[in-house]
């Protein structure tokens, strides 16, 4: 959960830019505030820094253990085989960090000598520092590597997409329920007396802004994508909101996810396609404020040092799966990440590493692997979802 202390922030360059924008245009939606904090061309968090590792703000699974990327590589190889081993395949990674995952995956894929001869790696990255780190990590890999700003820039054709901790970085909209008026108001960000603070949109809507709160017949792809404008007409007696909400209840939608899923569906319409989504989040419909800010490996205020603090929100896997299926993709999962890794053979790979490790190295290997699979750490909070098109049957380990 996010820390929402509305204390006066240090006015970073982005804070000054946003305060001027609010003065000129009025309060920003939380979505637009997050988008600016993360992706502003001049001062966005992901544009100018390497946020990973001990010296950064957080650490991801590929940086914890090489086994994570190796197993994903073997999964990609089996996926390619089930595609019919096309002689040209795009291996695409969204938000590839320092390139660690892809480097580990390609090393594991040496067990399939034909795969590197068929594959081209496409990294979707907007950060200049991270692109430089990726280039260094992938120097000498056995297949060509290309960089793109957007997934649509990667060439058409059979594709395997890896999205590890990508969707949680897409901004969310939040809506707050007013029980008295039976209205949902969008959560906004205002700037008053030198500080950012939350506000609510003056106008509300009766339509619940989250698809799982609607009757089954109203959950079309637009609603699943968070486009509530398509259902703003008053609800009928048969269209009552499912569930009871108290005043102040919050639901979140993630409009940017729809754009990514539409790109997936467009690719799947013309060639075999698979996407592996790994992220932290929840499997079943839920409500509540999941936006969190992290700086130097600690929780921070959402309004602390805009542009210099990481902002994320839990991934709604049920909504992703429903959106994907509405677009014609097949969805498998979500499955807890720890279970997914174990089913792919994590224990066998760990034993290989332990056999040639010193006692100190063995303890470190075991600690790192435990962090990935333990229910008390990443094993349950993180989940996997696989989306496919043009491939018969579910992919392993589903």
Protein backbone atom coordinates (compact mmCIF):
# COMPACT_ATOMS: atom_id res chain seq x y z
CA UNK A 1 0.00 0.00 0.00
CA UNK A 2 1.20 3.50 -0.69
CA UNK A 3 2.40 5.92 1.91
CA UNK A 4 0.18 8.95 1.53
CA UNK A 5 1.79 11.56 3.80
CA UNK A 6 1.00 14.88 2.17
CA UNK A 7 4.15 16.56 3.48
CA UNK A 8 5.77 19.38 1.54
CA UNK A 9 7.99 17.80 -1.10
CA UNK A 10 11.42 18.91 -2.13
CA UNK A 11 10.63 20.75 -5.33
CA UNK A 12 12.49 18.72 -7.89
CA UNK A 13 12.63 20.04 -11.47
CA UNK A 14 9.64 17.84 -12.31
CA UNK A 15 7.73 19.05 -9.23
CA UNK A 16 8.13 22.63 -10.43
CA UNK A 17 7.02 21.62 -13.93
CA UNK A 18 3.94 19.82 -12.60
CA UNK A 19 2.96 22.60 -10.21
CA UNK A 20 3.06 25.06 -13.14
CA UNK A 21 0.96 22.67 -15.22
CA UNK A 22 -1.63 22.35 -12.44
CA UNK A 23 -1.75 26.13 -12.04
CA UNK A 24 -2.49 26.47 -15.76
CA UNK A 25 -4.77 23.47 -16.34
CA UNK A 26 -6.19 22.47 -12.96
CA UNK A 27 -5.72 19.27 -10.99
CA UNK A 28 -4.20 16.28 -12.77
CA UNK A 29 -5.64 12.78 -12.71
CA UNK A 30 -3.52 10.39 -10.67
CA UNK A 31 -2.83 8.58 -13.95
CA UNK A 32 -1.36 11.72 -15.55
CA UNK A 33 0.67 12.53 -12.44
CA UNK A 34 2.18 9.02 -12.41
CA UNK A 35 2.83 9.13 -16.15
CA UNK A 36 4.74 12.40 -15.82
CA UNK A 37 6.71 11.16 -12.80
CA UNK A 38 7.80 8.02 -14.62
CA UNK A 39 8.04 9.00 -18.28
CA UNK A 40 8.35 12.77 -18.65
CA UNK A 41 10.80 13.34 -21.52
CA UNK A 42 13.00 15.71 -19.48
CA UNK A 43 12.71 14.54 -15.88
CA UNK A 44 10.90 11.18 -15.84
CA UNK A 45 12.15 8.53 -13.42
CA UNK A 46 12.77 5.91 -16.11
CA UNK A 47 14.30 8.29 -18.64
CA UNK A 48 17.57 9.27 -17.03
CA UNK A 49 18.56 6.71 -14.41
CA UNK A 50 19.39 3.09 -13.69
CA UNK A 51 17.03 2.31 -10.80
CA UNK A 52 18.14 -1.28 -10.18
CA UNK A 53 20.39 -2.92 -7.62
CA UNK A 54 21.77 -1.96 -4.23
CA UNK A 55 22.71 1.49 -5.42
CA UNK A 56 19.29 2.08 -6.95
CA UNK A 57 15.77 1.91 -5.59
CA UNK A 58 14.72 -1.73 -6.07
CA UNK A 59 15.87 -5.16 -7.24
CA UNK A 60 14.11 -7.52 -9.65
CA UNK A 61 14.07 -11.31 -9.96
CA UNK A 62 16.72 -11.56 -12.74
CA UNK A 63 19.18 -9.72 -10.49
CA UNK A 64 18.49 -12.14 -7.61
CA UNK A 65 19.36 -15.42 -9.34
CA UNK A 66 20.55 -16.49 -12.79
CA UNK A 67 18.15 -19.44 -12.58
CA UNK A 68 15.19 -17.10 -13.15
CA UNK A 69 16.34 -15.99 -16.61
CA UNK A 70 17.66 -19.43 -17.51
CA UNK A 71 14.27 -21.06 -16.92
CA UNK A 72 12.55 -18.34 -18.94
CA UNK A 73 14.99 -19.06 -21.76
CA UNK A 74 14.14 -22.76 -21.70
CA UNK A 75 10.44 -21.86 -21.64
CA UNK A 76 10.96 -19.66 -24.72
CA UNK A 77 12.75 -22.51 -26.49
CA UNK A 78 9.90 -24.92 -25.82
CA UNK A 79 7.41 -22.27 -26.94
CA UNK A 80 9.32 -21.90 -30.22
CA UNK A 81 9.19 -25.66 -30.68
CA UNK A 82 5.42 -25.73 -30.13
CA UNK A 83 5.08 -22.89 -32.66
CA UNK A 84 6.47 -25.28 -35.23
CA UNK A 85 10.08 -24.00 -35.04
CA UNK A 86 9.60 -21.04 -37.42
CA UNK A 87 12.82 -20.09 -39.19
CA UNK A 88 12.44 -16.46 -38.02
CA UNK A 89 11.19 -15.61 -34.53
CA UNK A 90 11.18 -12.30 -32.65
CA UNK A 91 12.22 -12.62 -29.00
CA UNK A 92 10.83 -9.40 -27.52
CA UNK A 93 11.34 -8.13 -23.97
CA UNK A 94 9.32 -5.25 -22.53
CA UNK A 95 11.24 -3.25 -19.95
CA UNK A 96 14.42 -5.39 -20.05
CA UNK A 97 16.20 -3.78 -17.08
CA UNK A 98 19.94 -4.20 -17.37
CA UNK A 99 19.65 -7.03 -19.87
CA UNK A 100 20.36 -9.64 -17.20
CA UNK A 101 17.26 -11.72 -17.87
CA UNK A 102 17.86 -11.84 -21.62
CA UNK A 103 21.55 -12.67 -21.19
CA UNK A 104 20.70 -15.58 -18.86
CA UNK A 105 17.90 -16.76 -21.17
CA UNK A 106 20.12 -16.80 -24.26
CA UNK A 107 22.85 -18.67 -22.38
CA UNK A 108 20.33 -21.39 -21.43
CA UNK A 109 19.09 -21.52 -25.03
CA UNK A 110 22.44 -22.86 -26.18
CA UNK A 111 20.94 -26.30 -25.57
CA UNK A 112 18.85 -25.55 -28.70
CA UNK A 113 21.54 -24.58 -31.26
CA UNK A 114 18.93 -23.93 -33.96
CA UNK A 115 17.09 -21.32 -31.91
CA UNK A 116 19.74 -18.54 -31.94
CA UNK A 117 20.07 -19.02 -35.70
CA UNK A 118 16.35 -18.22 -36.08
CA UNK A 119 15.94 -15.55 -33.39
CA UNK A 120 16.28 -11.80 -33.36
CA UNK A 121 16.15 -10.08 -29.96
CA UNK A 122 14.08 -6.90 -29.69
CA UNK A 123 14.32 -4.84 -26.50
CA UNK A 124 11.61 -2.26 -25.81
CA UNK A 125 13.38 0.37 -23.75
CA UNK A 126 13.12 4.15 -23.35
CA UNK A 127 15.89 4.70 -20.76
CA UNK A 128 19.26 5.74 -22.15
CA UNK A 129 21.27 4.47 -19.12
CA UNK A 130 19.51 1.11 -19.21
CA UNK A 131 20.04 0.75 -22.96
CA UNK A 132 23.77 1.17 -22.35
CA UNK A 133 23.68 -1.49 -19.61
CA UNK A 134 21.75 -3.86 -21.88
CA UNK A 135 24.23 -3.39 -24.71
CA UNK A 136 27.09 -4.31 -22.37
CA UNK A 137 25.25 -7.34 -20.94
CA UNK A 138 24.38 -8.69 -24.38
CA UNK A 139 27.69 -8.12 -26.11
CA UNK A 140 28.64 -11.30 -27.92
CA UNK A 141 25.25 -13.05 -27.76
CA UNK A 142 24.67 -15.41 -30.71
CA UNK A 143 21.80 -13.50 -32.34
CA UNK A 144 21.15 -9.90 -33.44
CA UNK A 145 19.83 -7.41 -30.84
CA UNK A 146 17.70 -4.39 -31.73
CA UNK A 147 16.26 -1.61 -29.55
CA UNK A 148 12.88 0.09 -29.93
CA UNK A 149 10.82 2.71 -28.10
CA UNK A 150 7.54 0.83 -28.61
CA UNK A 151 6.57 -2.77 -29.22
CA UNK A 152 4.83 -1.78 -32.45
CA UNK A 153 8.28 -0.99 -33.89
CA UNK A 154 9.41 -4.61 -33.63
CA UNK A 155 8.96 -6.39 -36.99
CA UNK A 156 5.94 -8.58 -37.62
CA UNK A 157 6.23 -12.35 -37.58
CA UNK A 158 6.22 -15.15 -35.00
CA UNK A 159 6.94 -13.60 -31.62
CA UNK A 160 7.70 -14.57 -28.04
CA UNK A 161 7.27 -11.68 -25.62
CA UNK A 162 8.68 -11.49 -22.08
CA UNK A 163 7.22 -8.87 -19.75
CA UNK A 164 8.82 -9.14 -16.33
CA UNK A 165 7.71 -6.38 -13.94
CA UNK A 166 6.46 -4.29 -16.84
CA UNK A 167 2.73 -3.88 -16.26
CA UNK A 168 3.14 -2.67 -12.67
CA UNK A 169 5.00 0.35 -14.09
CA UNK A 170 2.03 1.48 -16.20
CA UNK A 171 0.08 4.32 -14.51
CA UNK A 172 -3.36 3.69 -13.05
CA UNK A 173 -6.56 5.65 -12.69
CA UNK A 174 -8.25 5.54 -9.28
CA UNK A 175 -11.93 6.07 -8.52
CA UNK A 176 -13.35 6.72 -5.05
CA UNK A 177 -16.89 5.74 -4.06
CA UNK A 178 -19.32 8.23 -2.50
CA UNK A 179 -21.88 6.04 -0.74
CA UNK A 180 -24.32 8.87 -0.07
CA UNK A 181 -24.56 10.00 -3.68
CA UNK A 182 -23.87 6.52 -5.09
CA UNK A 183 -21.22 8.02 -7.37
CA UNK A 184 -17.60 7.26 -8.26
CA UNK A 185 -15.23 10.26 -8.37
CA UNK A 186 -11.84 10.13 -10.06
CA UNK A 187 -8.87 10.70 -7.78
CA UNK A 188 -6.88 13.78 -8.73
CA UNK A 189 -3.62 15.46 -7.69
CA UNK A 190 -3.70 19.14 -6.73
CA UNK A 191 -0.93 21.53 -5.66
CA UNK A 192 -1.71 23.86 -2.76
CA UNK A 193 0.50 25.88 -0.44
CA UNK A 194 3.68 24.39 -1.83
CA UNK A 195 2.57 20.75 -1.57
CA UNK A 196 0.94 18.12 -3.74
CA UNK A 197 -2.22 16.59 -2.29
CA UNK A 198 -5.11 14.40 -3.33
CA UNK A 199 -8.41 15.82 -4.58
CA UNK A 200 -11.52 14.38 -6.21
CA UNK A 201 -13.10 15.22 -9.54
CA UNK A 202 -16.18 17.40 -8.98
CA UNK A 203 -18.35 15.23 -11.21
CA UNK A 204 -18.99 11.56 -10.56
CA UNK A 205 -20.37 8.64 -12.55
CA UNK A 206 -22.80 5.94 -11.50
CA UNK A 207 -21.11 3.32 -13.61
CA UNK A 208 -18.58 1.32 -11.59
CA UNK A 209 -15.22 1.99 -13.26
CA UNK A 210 -13.88 -1.54 -12.86
CA UNK A 211 -15.09 -4.37 -15.11
CA UNK A 212 -15.50 -6.96 -12.37
CA UNK A 213 -18.12 -4.74 -10.72
CA UNK A 214 -20.37 -4.84 -13.77
CA UNK A 215 -22.89 -7.51 -14.75
CA UNK A 216 -21.39 -10.14 -17.06
CA UNK A 217 -23.17 -8.81 -20.14
CA UNK A 218 -21.65 -5.33 -19.81
CA UNK A 219 -17.99 -6.38 -19.72
CA UNK A 220 -16.94 -5.60 -23.28
CA UNK A 221 -13.34 -4.90 -24.27
CA UNK A 222 -13.74 -1.12 -23.85
CA UNK A 223 -14.90 -1.42 -20.26
CA UNK A 224 -12.20 -3.98 -19.51
CA UNK A 225 -9.67 -1.42 -20.72
CA UNK A 226 -10.99 1.18 -18.28
CA UNK A 227 -12.92 3.17 -20.88
CA UNK A 228 -15.97 4.02 -18.80
CA UNK A 229 -17.12 6.66 -21.29
CA UNK A 230 -18.78 3.86 -23.26
CA UNK A 231 -21.19 3.09 -20.43
CA UNK A 232 -21.92 6.47 -18.88
CA UNK A 233 -25.68 6.20 -19.43
CA UNK A 234 -27.57 5.56 -16.17
CA UNK A 235 -27.64 1.96 -15.09
CA UNK A 236 -30.94 0.14 -15.20
CA UNK A 237 -32.51 -1.83 -12.40
CA UNK A 238 -30.87 -5.01 -13.68
CA UNK A 239 -27.45 -3.37 -13.85
CA UNK A 240 -26.86 -2.72 -10.18
CA UNK A 241 -23.29 -2.67 -8.96
CA UNK A 242 -22.15 -6.08 -7.76
CA UNK A 243 -20.94 -5.95 -4.17
CA UNK A 244 -21.32 -3.41 -1.39
CA UNK A 245 -18.93 -0.50 -1.03
CA UNK A 246 -18.48 1.96 1.78
CA UNK A 247 -17.63 5.60 1.18
CA UNK A 248 -13.97 5.96 0.33
CA UNK A 249 -13.63 2.56 -1.37
CA UNK A 250 -11.09 2.75 -4.20
CA UNK A 251 -10.90 0.85 -7.47
CA UNK A 252 -8.09 1.07 -10.01
CA UNK A 253 -7.95 0.70 -13.78
CA UNK A 254 -4.86 0.65 -16.01
CA UNK A 255 -5.65 2.12 -19.46
CA UNK A 256 -2.13 1.59 -20.83
CA UNK A 257 -2.47 -2.16 -20.48
CA UNK A 258 -5.15 -2.15 -23.16
CA UNK A 259 -2.76 -0.64 -25.71
CA UNK A 260 -0.17 -3.32 -25.03
CA UNK A 261 -2.72 -6.13 -25.24
CA UNK A 262 -4.09 -4.74 -28.49
CA UNK A 263 -0.55 -4.89 -29.91
CA UNK A 264 -0.33 -8.50 -28.76
CA UNK A 265 -3.63 -9.34 -30.44
CA UNK A 266 -2.58 -7.64 -33.70
CA UNK A 267 0.57 -9.77 -33.81
CA UNK A 268 -1.34 -12.95 -32.97
CA UNK A 269 -3.74 -12.27 -35.86
CA UNK A 270 -0.95 -12.74 -38.41
CA UNK A 271 1.59 -15.14 -36.85
CA UNK A 272 2.08 -17.50 -33.89
CA UNK A 273 2.40 -15.50 -30.71
CA UNK A 274 3.11 -16.03 -27.01
CA UNK A 275 3.58 -13.58 -24.15
CA UNK A 276 4.85 -14.35 -20.66
CA UNK A 277 3.76 -11.79 -18.06
CA UNK A 278 5.43 -11.91 -14.62
CA UNK A 279 4.56 -9.30 -12.04
CA UNK A 280 3.39 -8.70 -8.52
CA UNK A 281 -0.35 -8.37 -8.07
CA UNK A 282 -3.58 -10.19 -7.39
CA UNK A 283 -5.29 -13.09 -9.16
CA UNK A 284 -8.91 -12.32 -8.32
CA UNK A 285 -10.93 -9.12 -8.57
CA UNK A 286 -10.07 -6.76 -5.74
CA UNK A 287 -10.37 -3.13 -4.76
CA UNK A 288 -8.19 -0.79 -2.73
CA UNK A 289 -5.29 1.60 -3.17
CA UNK A 290 -2.24 -0.35 -4.37
CA UNK A 291 -0.11 2.55 -5.63
CA UNK A 292 3.25 2.61 -3.90
CA UNK A 293 6.36 4.74 -4.02
CA UNK A 294 9.85 3.37 -3.42
CA UNK A 295 13.12 5.24 -3.05
CA UNK A 296 16.44 3.68 -2.05
CA UNK A 297 14.72 0.37 -1.15
CA UNK A 298 12.26 1.96 1.28
CA UNK A 299 8.64 2.99 1.01
CA UNK A 300 8.20 6.70 0.38
CA UNK A 301 5.42 9.20 -0.01
CA UNK A 302 3.73 9.29 -3.40
CA UNK A 303 4.61 12.99 -3.55
CA UNK A 304 8.22 12.69 -2.43
CA UNK A 305 10.75 13.92 -5.00
CA UNK A 306 8.60 13.60 -8.17
CA UNK A 307 10.69 12.20 -11.01
CA UNK A 308 13.23 10.74 -8.58
CA UNK A 309 10.98 8.14 -6.89
CA UNK A 310 9.66 4.91 -8.39
CA UNK A 311 5.86 4.65 -8.58
CA UNK A 312 4.08 1.35 -9.24
CA UNK A 313 0.73 -0.36 -8.62
CA UNK A 314 -0.30 -3.99 -8.27
CA UNK A 315 -1.13 -5.83 -11.49
CA UNK A 316 -4.74 -6.95 -11.83
CA UNK A 317 -4.23 -10.34 -13.49
CA UNK A 318 -7.95 -11.11 -13.71
CA UNK A 319 -8.51 -7.94 -15.73
CA UNK A 320 -5.49 -8.63 -17.98
CA UNK A 321 -6.75 -12.13 -18.71
CA UNK A 322 -10.29 -10.90 -19.44
CA UNK A 323 -9.05 -8.12 -21.71
CA UNK A 324 -6.80 -10.55 -23.60
CA UNK A 325 -9.60 -13.06 -24.09
CA UNK A 326 -11.95 -10.30 -25.26
CA UNK A 327 -9.33 -9.54 -27.94
CA UNK A 328 -9.14 -13.16 -29.07
CA UNK A 329 -6.06 -14.34 -27.18
CA UNK A 330 -5.96 -17.47 -25.01
CA UNK A 331 -4.98 -16.94 -21.38
CA UNK A 332 -3.33 -19.49 -19.06
CA UNK A 333 -2.99 -18.60 -15.39
CA UNK A 334 -2.30 -16.66 -13.36
CA UNK A 335 -0.10 -19.06 -11.41
CA UNK A 336 2.05 -18.11 -8.40
CA UNK A 337 5.58 -17.45 -9.64
CA UNK A 338 7.16 -19.87 -7.17
CA UNK A 339 4.97 -22.72 -8.39
CA UNK A 340 5.63 -21.79 -12.03
CA UNK A 341 9.41 -21.85 -11.53
CA UNK A 342 9.30 -25.14 -9.65
CA UNK A 343 7.20 -26.77 -12.37
CA UNK A 344 9.72 -25.61 -14.98
CA UNK A 345 12.54 -27.42 -13.17
CA UNK A 346 14.02 -24.90 -10.73
CA UNK A 347 15.05 -27.58 -8.24
CA UNK A 348 17.00 -29.56 -10.83
CA UNK A 349 18.84 -26.45 -12.04
CA UNK A 350 19.59 -25.40 -8.47
CA UNK A 351 21.12 -28.81 -7.75
CA UNK A 352 23.40 -28.42 -10.77
CA UNK A 353 24.68 -25.11 -9.41
CA UNK A 354 25.05 -26.42 -5.86
CA UNK A 355 27.18 -29.43 -6.93
CA UNK A 356 30.00 -27.16 -8.06
CA UNK A 357 29.63 -24.46 -5.40
CA UNK A 358 31.69 -23.85 -2.27
CA UNK A 359 29.82 -23.92 1.07
CA UNK A 360 29.59 -20.13 1.06
CA UNK A 361 28.40 -20.03 -2.52
CA UNK A 362 25.87 -22.79 -1.83
CA UNK A 363 24.33 -20.83 1.04
CA UNK A 364 24.03 -17.78 -1.21
CA UNK A 365 22.47 -19.78 -4.05
CA UNK A 366 19.91 -21.34 -1.70
CA UNK A 367 19.05 -17.98 -0.14
CA UNK A 368 18.50 -16.37 -3.52
CA UNK A 369 16.36 -19.20 -4.86
CA UNK A 370 14.32 -19.24 -1.65
CA UNK A 371 13.61 -15.56 -2.18
CA UNK A 372 12.12 -16.34 -5.60
CA UNK A 373 9.88 -19.23 -4.55
CA UNK A 374 9.08 -18.75 -0.86
CA UNK A 375 5.43 -17.81 -0.21
CA UNK A 376 6.69 -15.37 2.42
CA UNK A 377 8.81 -13.52 -0.15
CA UNK A 378 8.19 -13.40 -3.94
CA UNK A 379 6.75 -16.85 -4.56
CA UNK A 380 3.07 -15.99 -4.12
CA UNK A 381 2.87 -12.20 -4.41
CA UNK A 382 4.42 -12.49 -7.89
CA UNK A 383 2.42 -14.37 -10.52
CA UNK A 384 2.70 -15.54 -14.11
CA UNK A 385 0.18 -15.22 -16.92
CA UNK A 386 0.72 -16.61 -20.43
CA UNK A 387 -1.17 -15.27 -23.45
CA UNK A 388 -1.10 -17.07 -26.79
CA UNK A 389 -2.48 -16.93 -30.29
CA UNK A 390 -2.01 -19.39 -33.14
CA UNK A 391 -0.45 -22.05 -30.88
CA UNK A 392 -2.42 -25.24 -30.19
CA UNK A 393 -3.05 -25.92 -26.51
CA UNK A 394 -1.58 -24.30 -23.40
CA UNK A 395 2.17 -23.81 -23.01
CA UNK A 396 4.16 -25.49 -20.24
CA UNK A 397 3.87 -25.72 -17.33
CA UNK A 398 0.12 -25.10 -17.64
